[in-house]
Protein backbone atom coordinates (compact mmCIF):
# COMPACT_ATOMS: atom_id res chain seq x y z
CA MET A 1 34.07 35.55 61.53
CA VAL A 2 33.64 35.71 58.18
CA ILE A 3 29.84 36.31 57.44
CA CYS A 4 28.44 35.65 53.77
CA CYS A 5 25.19 36.56 53.49
CA GLY A 6 23.10 36.03 50.06
CA GLU A 7 21.54 33.55 47.93
CA ALA A 8 22.43 29.52 47.85
CA LEU A 9 21.55 27.12 45.60
CA ILE A 10 20.53 24.42 43.03
CA ASP A 11 22.95 24.36 40.09
CA MET A 12 22.23 21.64 37.40
CA VAL A 13 25.53 21.22 35.34
CA PRO A 14 25.34 19.21 32.21
CA GLU A 15 26.87 16.34 31.60
CA LYS A 16 27.48 14.36 28.37
CA ASN A 17 25.04 10.31 29.02
CA ALA A 18 26.40 7.42 26.85
CA GLU A 19 24.31 9.12 23.25
CA GLY A 20 26.60 12.49 23.45
CA ARG A 21 23.22 14.16 25.25
CA ASP A 22 23.41 16.90 27.97
CA VAL A 23 21.76 15.39 31.23
CA TYR A 24 21.55 18.25 33.97
CA VAL A 25 23.18 17.03 37.94
CA PRO A 26 22.22 18.91 40.53
CA CYS A 27 25.08 20.61 42.87
CA LEU A 28 25.45 23.13 45.99
CA GLY A 29 26.58 26.73 45.07
CA GLY A 30 25.07 30.68 44.81
CA SER A 31 28.20 32.37 44.55
CA PRO A 32 27.99 34.14 48.36
CA TYR A 33 26.95 30.09 49.48
CA ASN A 34 30.47 29.07 47.58
CA THR A 35 32.50 31.65 48.81
CA ALA A 36 31.03 30.68 52.55
CA VAL A 37 32.27 27.35 52.15
CA ALA A 38 35.19 28.45 50.61
CA ALA A 39 36.03 30.26 53.64
CA GLY A 40 34.60 27.50 55.87
CA ARG A 41 37.03 25.54 54.55
CA LEU A 42 40.27 27.45 54.86
CA LEU A 43 39.64 28.70 58.37
CA GLY A 44 37.80 25.90 59.92
CA LYS A 45 37.29 26.77 63.82
CA THR A 46 38.86 28.18 66.44
CA ASN A 47 38.47 27.27 70.25
CA GLY A 48 35.71 25.00 68.89
CA LYS A 49 34.01 28.20 66.31
CA ASN A 50 33.44 27.93 63.05
CA GLY A 51 35.31 31.39 61.87
CA THR A 52 32.97 31.53 59.33
CA ALA A 53 29.04 32.29 58.98
CA PHE A 54 26.30 32.47 56.61
CA LEU A 55 23.64 34.43 56.61
CA ALA A 56 20.33 33.98 54.03
CA ARG A 57 16.84 32.23 53.91
CA LEU A 58 16.79 28.87 52.66
CA SER A 59 14.46 26.01 52.01
CA GLY A 60 12.72 23.96 54.07
CA ASP A 61 12.33 21.17 50.98
CA PHE A 62 15.37 18.56 49.97
CA PHE A 63 17.44 20.58 48.57
CA GLY A 64 17.35 23.41 51.55
CA ARG A 65 18.01 20.89 53.89
CA GLU A 66 21.27 19.81 51.59
CA LEU A 67 22.47 23.28 51.52
CA THR A 68 22.32 23.40 55.07
CA GLU A 69 23.92 20.22 55.81
CA ASN A 70 26.76 21.11 53.99
CA LEU A 71 27.34 24.26 55.43
CA GLU A 72 27.80 22.85 58.78
CA ARG A 73 29.69 20.17 57.22
CA ASN A 74 32.00 22.61 56.04
CA ASN A 75 33.03 24.94 58.96
CA VAL A 76 30.27 27.33 58.41
CA SER A 77 27.62 28.22 61.22
CA THR A 78 23.81 28.23 59.88
CA GLU A 79 22.61 30.46 62.98
CA LEU A 80 22.44 33.17 60.97
CA VAL A 81 19.88 30.93 58.14
CA THR A 82 16.15 31.62 58.55
CA ARG A 83 14.13 28.40 57.82
CA SER A 84 11.19 28.56 54.76
CA ASP A 85 8.83 26.20 53.03
CA GLN A 86 9.64 28.07 50.23
CA THR A 87 11.35 26.59 47.00
CA THR A 88 14.97 26.26 46.08
CA THR A 89 16.49 28.37 43.20
CA LEU A 90 17.51 26.61 40.05
CA ALA A 91 20.37 27.62 37.75
CA PHE A 92 20.66 25.44 34.67
CA VAL A 93 24.82 25.73 33.84
CA LYS A 94 25.62 26.21 29.69
CA LEU A 95 29.19 25.36 29.35
CA GLU A 96 31.08 26.16 26.14
CA ASN A 97 35.00 25.46 25.96
CA GLY A 98 36.57 29.26 26.07
CA GLN A 99 33.95 31.20 27.32
CA GLU A 100 32.38 32.20 31.33
CA PRO A 101 29.58 29.77 31.89
CA SER A 102 26.28 31.19 31.27
CA TYR A 103 22.62 30.70 33.45
CA ILE A 104 19.40 30.54 33.45
CA PHE A 105 18.55 31.01 37.05
CA TYR A 106 14.59 29.49 38.22
CA THR A 107 13.73 32.04 40.93
CA GLU A 108 10.62 32.57 41.06
CA GLY A 109 9.19 32.58 45.01
CA ALA A 110 12.35 30.74 45.88
CA ALA A 111 13.87 31.17 49.60
CA ASP A 112 17.10 32.56 49.51
CA ARG A 113 15.60 35.72 47.22
CA SER A 114 12.89 36.65 49.79
CA LEU A 115 15.64 37.56 52.78
CA VAL A 116 13.22 40.32 54.88
CA PRO A 117 14.55 43.19 57.30
CA GLY A 118 12.48 40.78 60.33
CA ASP A 119 15.46 38.09 59.08
CA LEU A 120 18.56 40.05 59.96
CA PRO A 121 19.69 40.33 63.34
CA PRO A 122 19.39 43.30 65.39
CA LYS A 123 23.23 42.98 66.00
CA LEU A 124 26.11 40.99 63.64
CA PRO A 125 28.05 38.36 66.70
CA PRO A 126 30.37 40.68 68.67
CA GLU A 127 33.06 38.45 66.90
CA THR A 128 32.61 39.80 63.30
CA THR A 129 35.34 40.85 61.22
CA CYS A 130 34.04 40.49 58.00
CA LEU A 131 30.59 40.67 55.81
CA GLN A 132 30.57 39.43 52.56
CA PHE A 133 27.73 39.92 49.68
CA GLY A 134 26.70 40.71 46.22
CA SER A 135 26.05 38.23 43.17
CA ILE A 136 22.69 37.77 41.94
CA SER A 137 20.44 38.17 45.29
CA MET A 138 21.50 41.37 44.81
CA THR A 139 19.41 41.60 41.81
CA MET A 140 16.44 39.99 43.54
CA GLU A 141 13.38 41.89 45.66
CA SER A 142 13.14 41.27 48.58
CA SER A 143 16.76 40.74 49.02
CA ALA A 144 18.36 43.08 47.56
CA SER A 145 16.71 46.28 49.83
CA THR A 146 17.44 43.54 52.58
CA ILE A 147 20.92 42.83 52.09
CA GLU A 148 21.35 46.48 51.36
CA SER A 149 20.27 47.42 54.33
CA LEU A 150 21.99 45.70 56.65
CA VAL A 151 25.43 46.79 54.86
CA LEU A 152 24.65 50.42 54.70
CA ARG A 153 24.07 49.52 58.67
CA GLU A 154 27.26 48.38 59.10
CA SER A 155 29.38 50.11 56.98
CA ALA A 156 28.36 53.52 58.75
CA ARG A 157 29.39 52.13 62.53
CA GLU A 158 33.44 53.34 63.14
CA ASP A 159 33.63 50.06 64.80
CA GLY A 160 32.09 47.61 62.28
CA PRO A 161 33.40 45.18 60.20
CA VAL A 162 35.21 45.22 56.39
CA ILE A 163 32.35 44.92 53.90
CA SER A 164 33.33 43.07 51.21
CA PHE A 165 31.60 43.28 47.69
CA ASP A 166 32.22 40.66 44.42
CA PRO A 167 28.77 42.12 42.53
CA ASN A 168 29.30 38.32 40.02
CA VAL A 169 27.15 40.02 37.46
CA ARG A 170 24.63 38.01 35.70
CA PRO A 171 23.45 40.16 32.91
CA MET A 172 19.83 38.33 32.23
CA MET A 173 19.35 38.88 36.31
CA ILE A 174 19.26 42.44 35.13
CA LYS A 175 16.40 44.46 34.28
CA ASN A 176 17.08 47.76 34.00
CA ARG A 177 20.75 47.89 33.64
CA ASP A 178 21.10 52.34 34.41
CA ALA A 179 19.03 51.39 37.85
CA TYR A 180 21.43 48.70 38.97
CA ILE A 181 24.48 50.38 37.44
CA ARG A 182 23.34 52.92 40.38
CA ARG A 183 23.21 50.79 43.12
CA PHE A 184 25.90 48.72 42.23
CA GLU A 185 27.35 52.25 43.09
CA THR A 186 26.08 52.91 45.92
CA TRP A 187 27.53 49.36 47.20
CA VAL A 188 31.13 49.89 46.26
CA LYS A 189 30.77 53.09 48.89
CA ALA A 190 29.77 51.17 51.41
CA SER A 191 32.21 48.52 50.75
CA ASP A 192 36.11 47.67 51.63
CA ILE A 193 36.88 45.44 49.60
CA VAL A 194 36.00 45.14 46.12
CA LYS A 195 36.36 41.74 44.45
CA ILE A 196 35.27 41.83 40.88
CA SER A 197 36.76 40.15 37.39
CA SER A 198 36.88 41.78 34.11
CA ALA A 199 34.06 40.19 32.54
CA ASP A 200 31.88 42.67 35.10
CA PHE A 201 34.13 46.09 33.99
CA ASP A 202 33.22 45.38 30.50
CA PHE A 203 29.20 44.74 31.34
CA ILE A 204 29.22 47.54 34.25
CA TYR A 205 31.63 50.20 32.42
CA PRO A 206 32.06 49.17 28.87
CA GLY A 207 34.80 49.72 27.15
CA ALA A 208 36.60 51.58 29.65
CA GLY A 209 39.42 49.32 30.25
CA LEU A 210 40.65 47.87 33.33
CA GLU A 211 42.47 51.13 34.65
CA LYS A 212 40.09 53.20 34.17
CA SER A 213 37.27 51.58 35.90
CA VAL A 214 39.35 50.25 38.67
CA GLU A 215 39.70 54.38 39.13
CA LYS A 216 36.27 55.05 38.79
CA ILE A 217 35.08 52.21 41.23
CA PHE A 218 37.85 54.66 43.94
CA ALA A 219 36.19 57.59 42.76
CA LEU A 220 33.28 56.46 44.40
CA GLY A 221 34.75 56.09 47.63
CA SER A 222 36.40 59.52 47.21
CA THR A 223 32.37 61.15 46.88
CA THR A 224 30.92 59.63 49.54
CA GLY A 225 29.63 61.02 53.22
CA GLU A 226 26.34 59.35 53.88
CA THR A 227 27.42 56.30 54.35
CA ARG A 228 30.56 56.51 56.36
CA VAL A 229 32.70 59.23 57.28
CA ASN A 230 36.02 57.73 55.56
CA GLY A 231 34.23 55.73 53.22
CA GLY A 232 34.54 53.83 49.76
CA PRO A 233 37.31 50.85 48.84
CA ARG A 234 40.45 50.39 49.87
CA LEU A 235 40.87 47.00 48.61
CA VAL A 236 39.98 46.21 44.47
CA THR A 237 41.48 42.80 43.26
CA VAL A 238 40.54 41.88 39.82
CA THR A 239 40.31 38.72 38.57
CA LEU A 240 41.56 37.79 34.71
CA GLY A 241 40.46 34.61 34.00
CA ALA A 242 43.84 32.88 32.47
CA ASP A 243 45.55 36.12 34.09
CA GLY A 244 45.70 35.65 37.21
CA ALA A 245 44.09 38.88 39.41
CA THR A 246 45.93 42.19 40.49
CA ALA A 247 44.90 44.12 43.20
CA PHE A 248 45.19 47.75 44.16
CA ARG A 249 45.77 49.45 47.33
CA ASN A 250 44.77 52.50 48.13
CA GLY A 251 43.28 53.61 44.59
CA THR A 252 45.23 53.24 41.05
CA ASP A 253 48.22 55.45 42.42
CA GLY A 254 48.59 53.20 45.33
CA LEU A 255 50.26 49.53 45.71
CA ARG A 256 49.44 47.64 42.57
CA VAL A 257 50.04 43.83 42.54
CA THR A 258 49.40 40.93 40.26
CA ALA A 259 50.09 37.57 40.53
CA PRO A 260 49.37 34.56 38.19
CA VAL A 261 47.23 31.31 38.23
CA ILE A 262 48.22 27.76 39.07
CA ASP A 263 49.13 25.75 36.29
CA LEU A 264 46.44 22.93 36.86
CA PRO A 265 44.42 21.80 34.34
CA VAL A 266 40.82 23.54 33.75
CA ILE A 267 38.04 20.89 33.94
CA ASP A 268 35.11 23.99 33.98
CA THR A 269 35.49 27.46 36.20
CA ILE A 270 32.00 27.32 38.13
CA GLY A 271 32.84 28.50 41.19
CA ALA A 272 36.23 29.76 40.48
CA GLY A 273 35.48 33.64 41.07
CA ASP A 274 33.46 33.01 44.68
CA THR A 275 36.08 30.43 46.15
CA PHE A 276 39.07 33.48 45.05
CA HIS A 277 36.98 35.57 47.18
CA GLY A 278 36.75 33.72 50.26
CA ALA A 279 40.34 32.65 50.12
CA LEU A 280 40.98 36.12 49.65
CA LEU A 281 38.97 36.87 52.46
CA ALA A 282 40.85 33.56 54.40
CA TRP A 283 44.20 34.44 54.45
CA LEU A 284 43.59 38.45 55.28
CA GLU A 285 41.36 36.93 58.67
CA LYS A 286 44.52 34.34 58.86
CA ASN A 287 46.68 36.67 59.06
CA GLY A 288 45.03 39.32 61.75
CA ARG A 289 44.57 41.73 58.44
CA MET A 290 40.60 42.28 58.17
CA SER A 291 40.90 45.54 59.70
CA ARG A 292 40.05 48.87 57.58
CA LYS A 293 43.24 49.87 58.99
CA ALA A 294 44.69 47.26 58.12
CA LEU A 295 44.02 46.97 54.95
CA SER A 296 44.76 50.15 53.91
CA GLY A 297 48.52 49.68 55.22
CA LEU A 298 49.08 45.73 53.33
CA GLY A 299 52.34 45.96 52.37
CA GLU A 300 53.51 44.67 48.40
CA LYS A 301 54.66 41.20 49.92
CA GLU A 302 51.62 40.45 51.70
CA LEU A 303 49.07 41.47 49.12
CA ARG A 304 51.36 39.67 46.62
CA GLU A 305 50.90 36.40 49.27
CA ALA A 306 47.26 36.93 49.33
CA LEU A 307 46.32 36.86 45.59
CA ILE A 308 48.71 33.84 45.02
CA PHE A 309 46.92 31.69 48.28
CA ALA A 310 43.76 32.81 46.03
CA ASN A 311 44.42 31.50 43.15
CA LYS A 312 45.67 28.96 44.14
CA ALA A 313 42.20 28.38 45.66
CA ALA A 314 40.79 29.21 42.64
CA SER A 315 42.99 27.36 40.01
CA ILE A 316 41.93 23.48 41.96
CA VAL A 317 38.41 24.77 41.81
CA CYS A 318 39.09 24.87 37.92
CA SER A 319 40.80 21.71 37.37
CA ARG A 320 37.59 19.38 38.96
CA LYS A 321 33.90 19.59 38.06
CA GLY A 322 31.62 21.96 39.37
CA ALA A 323 32.31 24.63 42.78
CA ASN A 324 34.35 22.03 45.03
CA PRO A 325 36.25 24.14 47.29
CA PRO A 326 40.10 23.25 47.94
CA ALA A 327 41.22 21.93 52.40
CA LEU A 328 43.85 24.82 53.75
CA ALA A 329 46.20 21.22 53.00
CA GLU A 330 45.51 21.46 49.46
CA LEU A 331 46.90 25.00 48.87
CA GLU A 332 50.15 24.46 50.52
CA ALA A 333 50.75 21.41 48.67
CA LEU A 334 51.21 23.90 45.30
CA LEU A 335 53.61 25.48 43.77
CA PRO A 336 52.68 28.94 44.50
CA CYS A 337 52.54 29.95 40.44
CA LYS A 338 52.02 29.38 36.75
CA ALA A 339 56.02 27.79 35.33
CA GLY A 340 57.78 30.59 34.03
CA SER A 341 55.80 33.47 35.70
């Protein structure tokens, strides 16, 4: 089972009214939340049990109830969700052609940012194979410290789950860049998979370029000992927007694979990276490669198949409005790559 951990919020997405002015439509969102829904739709149920779960504190307000009900509709267990009378986070989105979406977050006193150690289970369910985390939940307290403690606890276990991290950087949420980078590097050391975008690298290691940035990520693992004996990433996947995605296994001198996007019209890119991440994890889970040992031994053919699968899912999301991950049948109906690639 894949457990996604972090924020769940309402994206207020702009649409033009009859006068050509923006009006805002509430859409369910949050990076780990979108990843959970994407994985839930692709993994479904096995022997009546969900292959995906969500771990968070969610509001009992009507937005929070919608968020919870949507998880359950999409084969995501909510047994690890804590209920709260706090409000739901709101994120207002601005969309401009050719640019990444920009956001304004309203989080003060919200439920998802208020996760505390008492909300965590003493042990994860025995069927857990992966713990996914990241995004703005790691920029807000008390959620950041609580999730960090869970990640460090699980990564230190010899038989622990695969840890998968997506920073999904939102600079407006980071008050102290240097302090954030120090914690980011701690989270990388504890992770087996790092899913990251080229835009994230521009903020974290400005001017370093793709190769040097990836080298830095893998080098962090070679210096760790305090998180687990064999610490550090086995797999780094970098999403490159219209240029697809590149994966590095076991360092920049190890295996490197690139796969293109799918040739579909782009409506917006909300949730594309989250869906890529969820689909990547779903592929690993479905194909029996969700373990630390299996990740280190992924072959070129397998890694390319995983990237193509994840790119298909992300391309479908970009072809429709908002974070609306595809079902498995939609992925299987697509050609494998962009025309001419």
